[in-house]
Amino acid sequence: MDKKSSNVVWHGGTVGRADRERLLGQSGATVWFTGLSGSGKSTIAVGVEASLLGIGRLCYRVDGDNLRHGLNRNLGFSAEDRTENVRRTGEVCRILADAGVIVLASLVSPFRADRDAVRALHDEWGIPFLEVLVDVPLEVAESRDPKGLYRRARAGEIKDFTGIHQAYERPTSPELVIQSHLSNPDASAAAVVTLLRDRSVVHTQG
């Protein structure tokens, strides 16, 4: 997975991110929602997407499950495959954010080093990366179990399941923590939009 291409040179152009951001009237950024399966990551991202659309901001949801239907369809859930899943997703987010889009990525992404690597990718290009921990106790996530994954993991039908077989490594310094079991989805989405305003990704007049 770490094989590097050879004889490849970066091809620059005359149009930069600042030009695209002026066209769109916004700043590109990635909001990375991380947390246990069933924590509410995708639900909150959907709410943020609707809120941003409502104020005329271009955004795009990059959902981990959705990417596994296409770009990442050849990856499983071993530690190595999870790392590659996050790496590929991070590259997609960086490209979209460089285009001036506000990217809403929701993945379990259980390993801290993988998320830090995606942050480093964004830092390399000077793109804001906002890590949002959707934090619920395991028993809450398991009680929701919207896809029946915890039940199947407990029954031995799924291996390498985060929270059951693999540990989830919490972020040490996320930009935002949302306890979705203590807040409704609308309030959670509003907290993310407030974060985007505070970081000048979404301007106050938007």
N, C-alpha and C. Protein backbone atom coordinates (compact mmCIF):
# COMPACT_ATOMS: atom_id res chain seq x y z
N MET A 1 0.81 -1.21 0.00
CA MET A 1 0.00 0.00 0.00
C MET A 1 0.85 1.27 0.00
N ASP A 2 2.11 1.16 0.47
CA ASP A 2 2.94 2.35 0.57
C ASP A 2 3.89 2.51 -0.60
N LYS A 3 3.68 1.74 -1.67
CA LYS A 3 4.52 1.85 -2.85
C LYS A 3 4.36 3.23 -3.48
N LYS A 4 5.47 3.86 -3.79
CA LYS A 4 5.43 5.21 -4.33
C LYS A 4 5.63 5.17 -5.84
N SER A 5 4.97 6.09 -6.55
CA SER A 5 5.17 6.20 -7.99
C SER A 5 6.53 6.82 -8.26
N SER A 6 7.15 6.40 -9.36
CA SER A 6 8.43 6.97 -9.74
C SER A 6 8.28 7.74 -11.06
N ASN A 7 9.24 8.60 -11.31
CA ASN A 7 9.25 9.39 -12.55
C ASN A 7 7.98 10.22 -12.72
N VAL A 8 7.49 10.78 -11.62
CA VAL A 8 6.29 11.59 -11.64
C VAL A 8 6.64 12.98 -11.14
N VAL A 9 6.26 14.00 -11.90
CA VAL A 9 6.54 15.39 -11.54
C VAL A 9 5.22 16.14 -11.41
N TRP A 10 5.12 16.92 -10.35
CA TRP A 10 3.89 17.72 -10.12
C TRP A 10 3.73 18.74 -11.24
N HIS A 11 2.52 18.82 -11.80
CA HIS A 11 2.24 19.76 -12.89
C HIS A 11 1.36 20.88 -12.37
N GLY A 12 1.94 22.05 -12.20
CA GLY A 12 1.20 23.19 -11.69
C GLY A 12 0.42 23.91 -12.78
N GLY A 13 -0.43 24.84 -12.35
CA GLY A 13 -1.22 25.62 -13.29
C GLY A 13 -1.21 27.08 -12.91
N THR A 14 -2.05 27.86 -13.56
CA THR A 14 -2.09 29.30 -13.30
C THR A 14 -3.25 29.69 -12.39
N VAL A 15 -4.15 28.75 -12.11
CA VAL A 15 -5.30 29.01 -11.24
C VAL A 15 -5.05 28.31 -9.90
N GLY A 16 -5.18 29.07 -8.82
CA GLY A 16 -4.94 28.52 -7.49
C GLY A 16 -6.20 28.44 -6.65
N ARG A 17 -6.05 27.91 -5.44
CA ARG A 17 -7.20 27.77 -4.55
C ARG A 17 -7.85 29.12 -4.25
N ALA A 18 -7.04 30.15 -4.06
CA ALA A 18 -7.59 31.48 -3.77
C ALA A 18 -8.52 31.94 -4.89
N ASP A 19 -8.18 31.63 -6.13
CA ASP A 19 -9.03 32.00 -7.26
C ASP A 19 -10.37 31.26 -7.19
N ARG A 20 -10.30 29.98 -6.88
CA ARG A 20 -11.54 29.19 -6.80
C ARG A 20 -12.39 29.64 -5.62
N GLU A 21 -11.74 29.97 -4.51
CA GLU A 21 -12.49 30.42 -3.34
C GLU A 21 -13.17 31.77 -3.60
N ARG A 22 -12.51 32.65 -4.33
CA ARG A 22 -13.15 33.92 -4.69
C ARG A 22 -14.38 33.68 -5.55
N LEU A 23 -14.27 32.73 -6.47
CA LEU A 23 -15.40 32.40 -7.34
C LEU A 23 -16.59 31.89 -6.53
N LEU A 24 -16.29 31.07 -5.52
CA LEU A 24 -17.35 30.46 -4.72
C LEU A 24 -17.80 31.33 -3.56
N GLY A 25 -16.97 32.28 -3.16
CA GLY A 25 -17.30 33.12 -2.02
C GLY A 25 -17.22 32.39 -0.69
N GLN A 26 -16.31 31.44 -0.60
CA GLN A 26 -16.13 30.67 0.63
C GLN A 26 -14.72 30.11 0.65
N SER A 27 -14.36 29.53 1.80
CA SER A 27 -13.06 28.89 1.94
C SER A 27 -13.22 27.38 1.96
N GLY A 28 -12.32 26.68 1.28
CA GLY A 28 -12.34 25.23 1.31
C GLY A 28 -11.82 24.71 2.64
N ALA A 29 -12.37 23.62 3.11
CA ALA A 29 -11.95 23.03 4.38
C ALA A 29 -12.51 21.61 4.46
N THR A 30 -11.92 20.81 5.34
CA THR A 30 -12.45 19.48 5.62
C THR A 30 -12.88 19.39 7.07
N VAL A 31 -14.11 18.96 7.28
CA VAL A 31 -14.60 18.63 8.62
C VAL A 31 -14.61 17.10 8.70
N TRP A 32 -13.84 16.56 9.61
CA TRP A 32 -13.68 15.11 9.71
C TRP A 32 -14.40 14.60 10.95
N PHE A 33 -15.54 13.94 10.75
CA PHE A 33 -16.32 13.39 11.85
C PHE A 33 -15.80 11.99 12.16
N THR A 34 -15.38 11.75 13.38
CA THR A 34 -14.87 10.45 13.79
C THR A 34 -15.59 9.99 15.05
N GLY A 35 -15.71 8.69 15.20
CA GLY A 35 -16.39 8.12 16.37
C GLY A 35 -16.86 6.72 16.07
N LEU A 36 -17.39 6.07 17.07
CA LEU A 36 -17.86 4.70 16.93
C LEU A 36 -18.98 4.59 15.90
N SER A 37 -19.13 3.42 15.33
CA SER A 37 -20.29 3.15 14.50
C SER A 37 -21.55 3.35 15.34
N GLY A 38 -22.51 4.07 14.80
CA GLY A 38 -23.73 4.35 15.55
C GLY A 38 -23.65 5.58 16.44
N SER A 39 -22.54 6.30 16.39
CA SER A 39 -22.40 7.48 17.24
C SER A 39 -23.22 8.66 16.73
N GLY A 40 -23.51 8.66 15.43
CA GLY A 40 -24.29 9.76 14.86
C GLY A 40 -23.52 10.62 13.88
N LYS A 41 -22.36 10.16 13.45
CA LYS A 41 -21.50 10.95 12.54
C LYS A 41 -22.23 11.33 11.26
N SER A 42 -22.78 10.33 10.58
CA SER A 42 -23.42 10.59 9.29
C SER A 42 -24.67 11.45 9.45
N THR A 43 -25.42 11.20 10.51
CA THR A 43 -26.63 11.99 10.76
C THR A 43 -26.30 13.46 10.94
N ILE A 44 -25.26 13.73 11.71
CA ILE A 44 -24.86 15.12 11.93
C ILE A 44 -24.34 15.74 10.64
N ALA A 45 -23.55 14.97 9.88
CA ALA A 45 -23.02 15.49 8.61
C ALA A 45 -24.15 15.86 7.65
N VAL A 46 -25.19 15.04 7.61
CA VAL A 46 -26.36 15.34 6.77
C VAL A 46 -27.00 16.65 7.21
N GLY A 47 -27.11 16.87 8.51
CA GLY A 47 -27.68 18.10 9.02
C GLY A 47 -26.83 19.32 8.69
N VAL A 48 -25.52 19.16 8.80
CA VAL A 48 -24.62 20.27 8.46
C VAL A 48 -24.72 20.59 6.97
N GLU A 49 -24.79 19.55 6.16
CA GLU A 49 -24.92 19.75 4.71
C GLU A 49 -26.16 20.57 4.39
N ALA A 50 -27.28 20.23 5.00
CA ALA A 50 -28.52 20.96 4.75
C ALA A 50 -28.42 22.41 5.22
N SER A 51 -27.79 22.60 6.38
CA SER A 51 -27.64 23.96 6.92
C SER A 51 -26.77 24.82 6.02
N LEU A 52 -25.67 24.25 5.53
CA LEU A 52 -24.77 25.01 4.65
C LEU A 52 -25.44 25.32 3.32
N LEU A 53 -26.16 24.36 2.79
CA LEU A 53 -26.90 24.62 1.54
C LEU A 53 -27.89 25.76 1.74
N GLY A 54 -28.51 25.78 2.92
CA GLY A 54 -29.51 26.81 3.21
C GLY A 54 -28.95 28.21 3.25
N ILE A 55 -27.64 28.34 3.50
CA ILE A 55 -27.03 29.67 3.50
C ILE A 55 -26.14 29.87 2.27
N GLY A 56 -26.35 29.03 1.27
CA GLY A 56 -25.69 29.23 -0.01
C GLY A 56 -24.23 28.83 -0.05
N ARG A 57 -23.86 27.80 0.70
CA ARG A 57 -22.48 27.35 0.72
C ARG A 57 -22.35 25.99 0.04
N LEU A 58 -21.31 25.83 -0.77
CA LEU A 58 -21.08 24.59 -1.49
C LEU A 58 -20.34 23.60 -0.58
N CYS A 59 -20.95 22.45 -0.37
CA CYS A 59 -20.31 21.43 0.46
C CYS A 59 -20.56 20.06 -0.16
N TYR A 60 -19.81 19.08 0.33
CA TYR A 60 -19.98 17.72 -0.19
C TYR A 60 -19.70 16.74 0.93
N ARG A 61 -20.62 15.79 1.11
CA ARG A 61 -20.44 14.75 2.12
C ARG A 61 -19.62 13.60 1.54
N VAL A 62 -18.59 13.22 2.25
CA VAL A 62 -17.78 12.05 1.91
C VAL A 62 -18.01 11.04 3.02
N ASP A 63 -18.88 10.06 2.76
CA ASP A 63 -19.26 9.09 3.78
C ASP A 63 -18.44 7.81 3.60
N GLY A 64 -17.88 7.32 4.70
CA GLY A 64 -17.04 6.15 4.63
C GLY A 64 -17.72 4.94 4.02
N ASP A 65 -18.97 4.69 4.41
CA ASP A 65 -19.70 3.55 3.85
C ASP A 65 -19.92 3.72 2.35
N ASN A 66 -20.22 4.94 1.93
CA ASN A 66 -20.46 5.19 0.52
C ASN A 66 -19.20 4.94 -0.31
N LEU A 67 -18.05 5.36 0.20
CA LEU A 67 -16.81 5.17 -0.54
C LEU A 67 -16.46 3.69 -0.69
N ARG A 68 -16.91 2.88 0.25
CA ARG A 68 -16.64 1.44 0.16
C ARG A 68 -17.48 0.77 -0.93
N HIS A 69 -18.40 1.49 -1.52
CA HIS A 69 -19.13 0.98 -2.69
C HIS A 69 -18.36 1.22 -3.98
N GLY A 70 -17.34 2.08 -3.93
CA GLY A 70 -16.62 2.42 -5.16
C GLY A 70 -15.13 2.50 -4.95
N LEU A 71 -14.63 3.69 -4.63
CA LEU A 71 -13.20 3.94 -4.51
C LEU A 71 -12.50 2.93 -3.60
N ASN A 72 -13.11 2.61 -2.48
CA ASN A 72 -12.48 1.74 -1.48
C ASN A 72 -13.13 0.36 -1.41
N ARG A 73 -13.74 -0.06 -2.49
CA ARG A 73 -14.48 -1.32 -2.49
C ARG A 73 -13.57 -2.54 -2.32
N ASN A 74 -12.29 -2.39 -2.59
CA ASN A 74 -11.37 -3.52 -2.46
C ASN A 74 -10.74 -3.63 -1.08
N LEU A 75 -11.17 -2.80 -0.14
CA LEU A 75 -10.58 -2.79 1.20
C LEU A 75 -11.50 -3.45 2.22
N GLY A 76 -10.89 -4.19 3.14
CA GLY A 76 -11.64 -4.79 4.23
C GLY A 76 -11.52 -3.96 5.49
N PHE A 77 -11.48 -4.62 6.64
CA PHE A 77 -11.48 -3.89 7.91
C PHE A 77 -10.32 -4.28 8.80
N SER A 78 -9.28 -4.87 8.21
CA SER A 78 -8.06 -5.11 8.97
C SER A 78 -7.43 -3.75 9.29
N ALA A 79 -6.47 -3.75 10.21
CA ALA A 79 -5.81 -2.50 10.56
C ALA A 79 -5.15 -1.87 9.34
N GLU A 80 -4.52 -2.69 8.51
CA GLU A 80 -3.86 -2.17 7.31
C GLU A 80 -4.87 -1.57 6.34
N ASP A 81 -5.98 -2.27 6.12
CA ASP A 81 -6.99 -1.77 5.19
C ASP A 81 -7.67 -0.52 5.73
N ARG A 82 -7.88 -0.45 7.02
CA ARG A 82 -8.47 0.76 7.60
C ARG A 82 -7.55 1.96 7.38
N THR A 83 -6.25 1.74 7.55
CA THR A 83 -5.29 2.82 7.32
C THR A 83 -5.35 3.30 5.87
N GLU A 84 -5.40 2.37 4.94
CA GLU A 84 -5.47 2.74 3.53
C GLU A 84 -6.81 3.41 3.20
N ASN A 85 -7.88 2.94 3.82
CA ASN A 85 -9.20 3.54 3.62
C ASN A 85 -9.18 5.02 4.04
N VAL A 86 -8.58 5.30 5.18
CA VAL A 86 -8.50 6.67 5.67
C VAL A 86 -7.57 7.49 4.79
N ARG A 87 -6.45 6.92 4.36
CA ARG A 87 -5.51 7.65 3.51
C ARG A 87 -6.17 8.08 2.21
N ARG A 88 -6.83 7.13 1.54
CA ARG A 88 -7.48 7.46 0.27
C ARG A 88 -8.56 8.53 0.47
N THR A 89 -9.33 8.35 1.52
CA THR A 89 -10.40 9.31 1.80
C THR A 89 -9.83 10.69 2.08
N GLY A 90 -8.73 10.72 2.83
CA GLY A 90 -8.08 12.00 3.12
C GLY A 90 -7.59 12.70 1.88
N GLU A 91 -7.07 11.94 0.93
CA GLU A 91 -6.62 12.53 -0.33
C GLU A 91 -7.79 13.12 -1.12
N VAL A 92 -8.91 12.39 -1.13
CA VAL A 92 -10.10 12.90 -1.82
C VAL A 92 -10.57 14.20 -1.17
N CYS A 93 -10.60 14.21 0.16
CA CYS A 93 -11.04 15.40 0.89
C CYS A 93 -10.13 16.58 0.59
N ARG A 94 -8.84 16.34 0.56
CA ARG A 94 -7.89 17.42 0.31
C ARG A 94 -8.10 18.02 -1.08
N ILE A 95 -8.34 17.17 -2.08
CA ILE A 95 -8.55 17.66 -3.44
C ILE A 95 -9.83 18.49 -3.50
N LEU A 96 -10.91 18.00 -2.89
CA LEU A 96 -12.17 18.74 -2.90
C LEU A 96 -12.03 20.07 -2.17
N ALA A 97 -11.36 20.04 -1.03
CA ALA A 97 -11.18 21.29 -0.27
C ALA A 97 -10.31 22.27 -1.03
N ASP A 98 -9.32 21.76 -1.78
CA ASP A 98 -8.48 22.62 -2.59
C ASP A 98 -9.29 23.27 -3.71
N ALA A 99 -10.39 22.61 -4.11
CA ALA A 99 -11.28 23.18 -5.11
C ALA A 99 -12.20 24.24 -4.51
N GLY A 100 -12.11 24.45 -3.19
CA GLY A 100 -12.93 25.45 -2.52
C GLY A 100 -14.17 24.91 -1.87
N VAL A 101 -14.33 23.59 -1.87
CA VAL A 101 -15.52 22.95 -1.30
C VAL A 101 -15.34 22.74 0.20
N ILE A 102 -16.42 22.85 0.96
CA ILE A 102 -16.42 22.47 2.37
C ILE A 102 -16.78 20.98 2.41
N VAL A 103 -15.83 20.15 2.83
CA VAL A 103 -15.99 18.71 2.79
C VAL A 103 -16.41 18.21 4.17
N LEU A 104 -17.43 17.35 4.19
CA LEU A 104 -17.92 16.76 5.43
C LEU A 104 -17.67 15.27 5.36
N ALA A 105 -16.60 14.81 6.00
CA ALA A 105 -16.20 13.41 5.94
C ALA A 105 -16.59 12.69 7.22
N SER A 106 -17.30 11.59 7.09
CA SER A 106 -17.71 10.83 8.27
C SER A 106 -17.22 9.39 8.15
N LEU A 107 -16.24 9.05 8.98
CA LEU A 107 -15.65 7.72 9.02
C LEU A 107 -15.35 7.35 10.47
N VAL A 108 -15.49 6.10 10.81
CA VAL A 108 -15.07 5.65 12.14
C VAL A 108 -13.62 6.05 12.36
N SER A 109 -12.76 5.77 11.39
CA SER A 109 -11.33 6.12 11.44
C SER A 109 -10.77 5.95 12.85
N PRO A 110 -10.65 4.69 13.32
CA PRO A 110 -10.40 4.44 14.74
C PRO A 110 -8.99 4.73 15.21
N PHE A 111 -8.03 4.86 14.28
CA PHE A 111 -6.64 4.99 14.70
C PHE A 111 -6.16 6.43 14.62
N ARG A 112 -5.64 6.90 15.73
CA ARG A 112 -5.21 8.30 15.84
C ARG A 112 -4.15 8.65 14.81
N ALA A 113 -3.20 7.76 14.58
CA ALA A 113 -2.12 8.05 13.64
C ALA A 113 -2.65 8.26 12.23
N ASP A 114 -3.69 7.52 11.86
CA ASP A 114 -4.27 7.68 10.52
C ASP A 114 -4.92 9.04 10.37
N ARG A 115 -5.67 9.45 11.39
CA ARG A 115 -6.32 10.77 11.32
C ARG A 115 -5.27 11.88 11.33
N ASP A 116 -4.22 11.71 12.12
CA ASP A 116 -3.16 12.72 12.15
C ASP A 116 -2.46 12.81 10.80
N ALA A 117 -2.36 11.69 10.11
CA ALA A 117 -1.75 11.70 8.77
C ALA A 117 -2.60 12.50 7.79
N VAL A 118 -3.92 12.38 7.91
CA VAL A 118 -4.81 13.16 7.04
C VAL A 118 -4.70 14.65 7.39
N ARG A 119 -4.59 14.96 8.66
CA ARG A 119 -4.40 16.36 9.05
C ARG A 119 -3.11 16.90 8.44
N ALA A 120 -2.04 16.07 8.46
CA ALA A 120 -0.76 16.50 7.90
C ALA A 120 -0.88 16.75 6.40
N LEU A 121 -1.67 15.92 5.69
CA LEU A 121 -1.90 16.14 4.27
C LEU A 121 -2.50 17.53 4.03
N HIS A 122 -3.47 17.89 4.86
CA HIS A 122 -4.12 19.19 4.71
C HIS A 122 -3.17 20.32 5.09
N ASP A 123 -2.41 20.12 6.15
CA ASP A 123 -1.44 21.14 6.56
C ASP A 123 -0.43 21.42 5.45
N GLU A 124 -0.06 20.37 4.72
CA GLU A 124 0.91 20.50 3.65
C GLU A 124 0.45 21.49 2.59
N TRP A 125 -0.86 21.53 2.37
CA TRP A 125 -1.42 22.44 1.36
C TRP A 125 -2.06 23.68 1.99
N GLY A 126 -1.95 23.82 3.30
CA GLY A 126 -2.52 24.99 3.97
C GLY A 126 -4.03 25.01 3.98
N ILE A 127 -4.64 23.81 4.09
CA ILE A 127 -6.09 23.69 4.07
C ILE A 127 -6.59 23.38 5.48
N PRO A 128 -7.61 24.11 5.97
CA PRO A 128 -8.13 23.83 7.30
C PRO A 128 -8.66 22.40 7.42
N PHE A 129 -8.30 21.74 8.52
CA PHE A 129 -8.77 20.40 8.84
C PHE A 129 -9.35 20.45 10.24
N LEU A 130 -10.64 20.21 10.34
CA LEU A 130 -11.35 20.33 11.62
C LEU A 130 -11.85 18.96 12.04
N GLU A 131 -11.27 18.44 13.10
CA GLU A 131 -11.62 17.10 13.58
C GLU A 131 -12.75 17.22 14.60
N VAL A 132 -13.85 16.51 14.33
CA VAL A 132 -15.02 16.53 15.21
C VAL A 132 -15.22 15.13 15.77
N LEU A 133 -15.05 15.00 17.06
CA LEU A 133 -15.28 13.73 17.74
C LEU A 133 -16.76 13.64 18.12
N VAL A 134 -17.45 12.65 17.54
CA VAL A 134 -18.83 12.38 17.94
C VAL A 134 -18.75 11.29 19.00
N ASP A 135 -18.90 11.72 20.23
CA ASP A 135 -18.51 10.92 21.39
C ASP A 135 -19.74 10.37 22.12
N VAL A 136 -19.90 9.06 22.07
CA VAL A 136 -20.96 8.41 22.85
C VAL A 136 -20.36 7.17 23.52
N PRO A 137 -20.89 6.78 24.67
CA PRO A 137 -20.43 5.53 25.28
C PRO A 137 -20.73 4.34 24.36
N LEU A 138 -19.92 3.31 24.45
CA LEU A 138 -20.11 2.13 23.62
C LEU A 138 -21.52 1.57 23.77
N GLU A 139 -22.01 1.55 25.00
CA GLU A 139 -23.34 0.96 25.21
C GLU A 139 -24.44 1.75 24.50
N VAL A 140 -24.25 3.06 24.35
CA VAL A 140 -25.22 3.87 23.63
C VAL A 140 -25.16 3.54 22.13
N ALA A 141 -23.96 3.52 21.59
CA ALA A 141 -23.80 3.19 20.17
C ALA A 141 -24.35 1.80 19.87
N GLU A 142 -24.08 0.87 20.78
CA GLU A 142 -24.53 -0.50 20.56
C GLU A 142 -26.04 -0.62 20.69
N SER A 143 -26.63 0.19 21.54
CA SER A 143 -28.09 0.14 21.70
C SER A 143 -28.80 0.70 20.48
N ARG A 144 -28.14 1.62 19.77
CA ARG A 144 -28.73 2.16 18.54
C ARG A 144 -28.61 1.13 17.41
N ASP A 145 -27.39 0.72 17.14
CA ASP A 145 -27.08 -0.33 16.15
C ASP A 145 -27.98 -0.27 14.92
N PRO A 146 -28.00 0.86 14.19
CA PRO A 146 -28.94 1.01 13.07
C PRO A 146 -28.74 0.01 11.94
N LYS A 147 -27.51 -0.51 11.81
CA LYS A 147 -27.23 -1.44 10.72
C LYS A 147 -27.09 -2.88 11.20
N GLY A 148 -27.30 -3.09 12.48
CA GLY A 148 -27.18 -4.44 13.03
C GLY A 148 -25.75 -4.94 13.11
N LEU A 149 -24.79 -4.03 13.07
CA LEU A 149 -23.39 -4.44 13.01
C LEU A 149 -22.88 -4.95 14.36
N TYR A 150 -23.28 -4.29 15.43
CA TYR A 150 -22.84 -4.76 16.75
C TYR A 150 -23.40 -6.15 17.04
N ARG A 151 -24.64 -6.35 16.71
CA ARG A 151 -25.25 -7.67 16.92
C ARG A 151 -24.48 -8.75 16.17
N ARG A 152 -24.14 -8.44 14.92
CA ARG A 152 -23.41 -9.42 14.11
C ARG A 152 -21.98 -9.61 14.63
N ALA A 153 -21.37 -8.52 15.12
CA ALA A 153 -20.02 -8.64 15.67
C ALA A 153 -20.04 -9.50 16.94
N ARG A 154 -21.03 -9.29 17.80
CA ARG A 154 -21.15 -10.09 19.03
C ARG A 154 -21.39 -11.56 18.70
N ALA A 155 -22.04 -11.81 17.57
CA ALA A 155 -22.34 -13.18 17.17
C ALA A 155 -21.18 -13.84 16.41
N GLY A 156 -20.11 -13.08 16.21
CA GLY A 156 -18.95 -13.63 15.51
C GLY A 156 -19.07 -13.59 14.00
N GLU A 157 -20.08 -12.90 13.48
CA GLU A 157 -20.27 -12.83 12.03
C GLU A 157 -19.40 -11.75 11.40
N ILE A 158 -18.94 -10.78 12.18
CA ILE A 158 -18.06 -9.71 11.71
C ILE A 158 -16.82 -9.72 12.59
N LYS A 159 -15.67 -9.68 11.96
CA LYS A 159 -14.41 -9.62 12.68
C LYS A 159 -13.83 -8.21 12.61
N ASP A 160 -12.90 -7.92 13.48
CA ASP A 160 -12.18 -6.64 13.47
C ASP A 160 -13.12 -5.45 13.60
N PHE A 161 -14.17 -5.59 14.41
CA PHE A 161 -15.15 -4.51 14.54
C PHE A 161 -14.74 -3.56 15.66
N THR A 162 -14.70 -2.27 15.33
CA THR A 162 -14.26 -1.27 16.30
C THR A 162 -15.22 -1.20 17.49
N GLY A 163 -14.64 -1.22 18.68
CA GLY A 163 -15.43 -1.19 19.91
C GLY A 163 -15.64 -2.56 20.49
N ILE A 164 -15.57 -3.59 19.62
CA ILE A 164 -15.75 -4.97 20.08
C ILE A 164 -14.42 -5.71 20.00
N HIS A 165 -13.82 -5.72 18.81
CA HIS A 165 -12.55 -6.43 18.62
C HIS A 165 -11.36 -5.48 18.53
N GLN A 166 -11.59 -4.29 18.04
CA GLN A 166 -10.53 -3.30 17.91
C GLN A 166 -10.85 -2.10 18.80
N ALA A 167 -9.81 -1.54 19.38
CA ALA A 167 -10.00 -0.35 20.21
C ALA A 167 -10.22 0.89 19.34
N TYR A 168 -10.99 1.84 19.85
CA TYR A 168 -11.12 3.14 19.21
C TYR A 168 -10.21 4.12 19.95
N GLU A 169 -9.32 4.77 19.21
CA GLU A 169 -8.38 5.71 19.79
C GLU A 169 -8.94 7.13 19.66
N ARG A 170 -9.32 7.69 20.79
CA ARG A 170 -9.93 9.02 20.78
C ARG A 170 -8.92 10.09 20.37
N PRO A 171 -9.39 11.12 19.67
CA PRO A 171 -8.50 12.26 19.37
C PRO A 171 -8.04 12.91 20.66
N THR A 172 -6.83 13.42 20.65
CA THR A 172 -6.31 14.09 21.84
C THR A 172 -6.72 15.57 21.89
N SER A 173 -6.82 16.19 20.71
CA SER A 173 -7.17 17.62 20.67
C SER A 173 -8.11 17.92 19.50
N PRO A 174 -9.32 17.36 19.50
CA PRO A 174 -10.24 17.65 18.41
C PRO A 174 -10.70 19.10 18.46
N GLU A 175 -11.07 19.63 17.31
CA GLU A 175 -11.58 21.00 17.27
C GLU A 175 -12.97 21.11 17.92
N LEU A 176 -13.70 19.99 17.96
CA LEU A 176 -15.05 20.01 18.53
C LEU A 176 -15.39 18.61 19.02
N VAL A 177 -16.05 18.54 20.17
CA VAL A 177 -16.58 17.27 20.69
C VAL A 177 -18.09 17.40 20.79
N ILE A 178 -18.79 16.43 20.19
CA ILE A 178 -20.25 16.42 20.25
C ILE A 178 -20.70 15.13 20.93
N GLN A 179 -21.45 15.25 21.99
CA GLN A 179 -22.02 14.08 22.66
C GLN A 179 -23.45 13.92 22.14
N SER A 180 -23.58 13.13 21.10
CA SER A 180 -24.85 13.09 20.38
C SER A 180 -25.98 12.49 21.20
N HIS A 181 -25.66 11.76 22.25
CA HIS A 181 -26.71 11.21 23.12
C HIS A 181 -27.24 12.26 24.09
N LEU A 182 -26.57 13.41 24.15
CA LEU A 182 -27.01 14.50 25.02
C LEU A 182 -27.49 15.72 24.25
N SER A 183 -27.47 15.61 22.91
CA SER A 183 -27.83 16.74 22.06
C SER A 183 -28.61 16.22 20.86
N ASN A 184 -29.61 16.96 20.42
CA ASN A 184 -30.37 16.51 19.25
C ASN A 184 -29.60 16.82 17.97
N PRO A 185 -29.93 16.17 16.86
CA PRO A 185 -29.16 16.36 15.63
C PRO A 185 -29.09 17.81 15.14
N ASP A 186 -30.18 18.56 15.30
CA ASP A 186 -30.17 19.95 14.84
C ASP A 186 -29.16 20.79 15.63
N ALA A 187 -29.15 20.59 16.95
CA ALA A 187 -28.20 21.33 17.78
C ALA A 187 -26.77 20.92 17.47
N SER A 188 -26.57 19.63 17.22
CA SER A 188 -25.23 19.15 16.89
C SER A 188 -24.75 19.76 15.58
N ALA A 189 -25.62 19.78 14.57
CA ALA A 189 -25.26 20.38 13.28
C ALA A 189 -24.97 21.86 13.44
N ALA A 190 -25.76 22.54 14.26
CA ALA A 190 -25.56 23.98 14.48
C ALA A 190 -24.19 24.24 15.12
N ALA A 191 -23.76 23.35 16.00
CA ALA A 191 -22.45 23.52 16.65
C ALA A 191 -21.33 23.43 15.62
N VAL A 192 -21.49 22.57 14.63
CA VAL A 192 -20.47 22.44 13.58
C VAL A 192 -20.45 23.69 12.71
N VAL A 193 -21.62 24.20 12.35
CA VAL A 193 -21.68 25.42 11.54
C VAL A 193 -21.06 26.59 12.31
N THR A 194 -21.30 26.65 13.61
CA THR A 194 -20.68 27.69 14.43
C THR A 194 -19.17 27.57 14.39
N LEU A 195 -18.66 26.34 14.46
CA LEU A 195 -17.22 26.12 14.36
C LEU A 195 -16.68 26.64 13.02
N LEU A 196 -17.40 26.37 11.95
CA LEU A 196 -16.97 26.83 10.63
C LEU A 196 -16.98 28.36 10.55
N ARG A 197 -17.94 28.98 11.19
CA ARG A 197 -17.96 30.45 11.23
C ARG A 197 -16.79 30.97 12.05
N ASP A 198 -16.54 30.35 13.20
CA ASP A 198 -15.45 30.80 14.08
C ASP A 198 -14.11 30.68 13.39
N ARG A 199 -13.96 29.68 12.51
CA ARG A 199 -12.70 29.48 11.80
C ARG A 199 -12.66 30.21 10.46
N SER A 200 -13.68 31.05 10.22
CA SER A 200 -13.77 31.87 9.00
C SER A 200 -13.83 31.05 7.72
N VAL A 201 -14.29 29.81 7.84
CA VAL A 201 -14.58 29.01 6.65
C VAL A 201 -15.91 29.46 6.06
N VAL A 202 -16.88 29.65 6.93
CA VAL A 202 -18.16 30.26 6.56
C VAL A 202 -18.18 31.65 7.15
N HIS A 203 -18.35 32.66 6.32
CA HIS A 203 -18.31 34.04 6.80
C HIS A 203 -19.62 34.40 7.49
N THR A 204 -19.53 35.31 8.45
CA THR A 204 -20.67 35.63 9.29
C THR A 204 -21.86 36.18 8.53
N GLN A 205 -21.59 36.79 7.36
CA GLN A 205 -22.72 37.33 6.61
C GLN A 205 -23.43 36.25 5.80
N GLY A 206 -22.85 34.99 5.77
CA GLY A 206 -23.45 33.92 4.99
C GLY A 206 -24.73 33.41 5.57
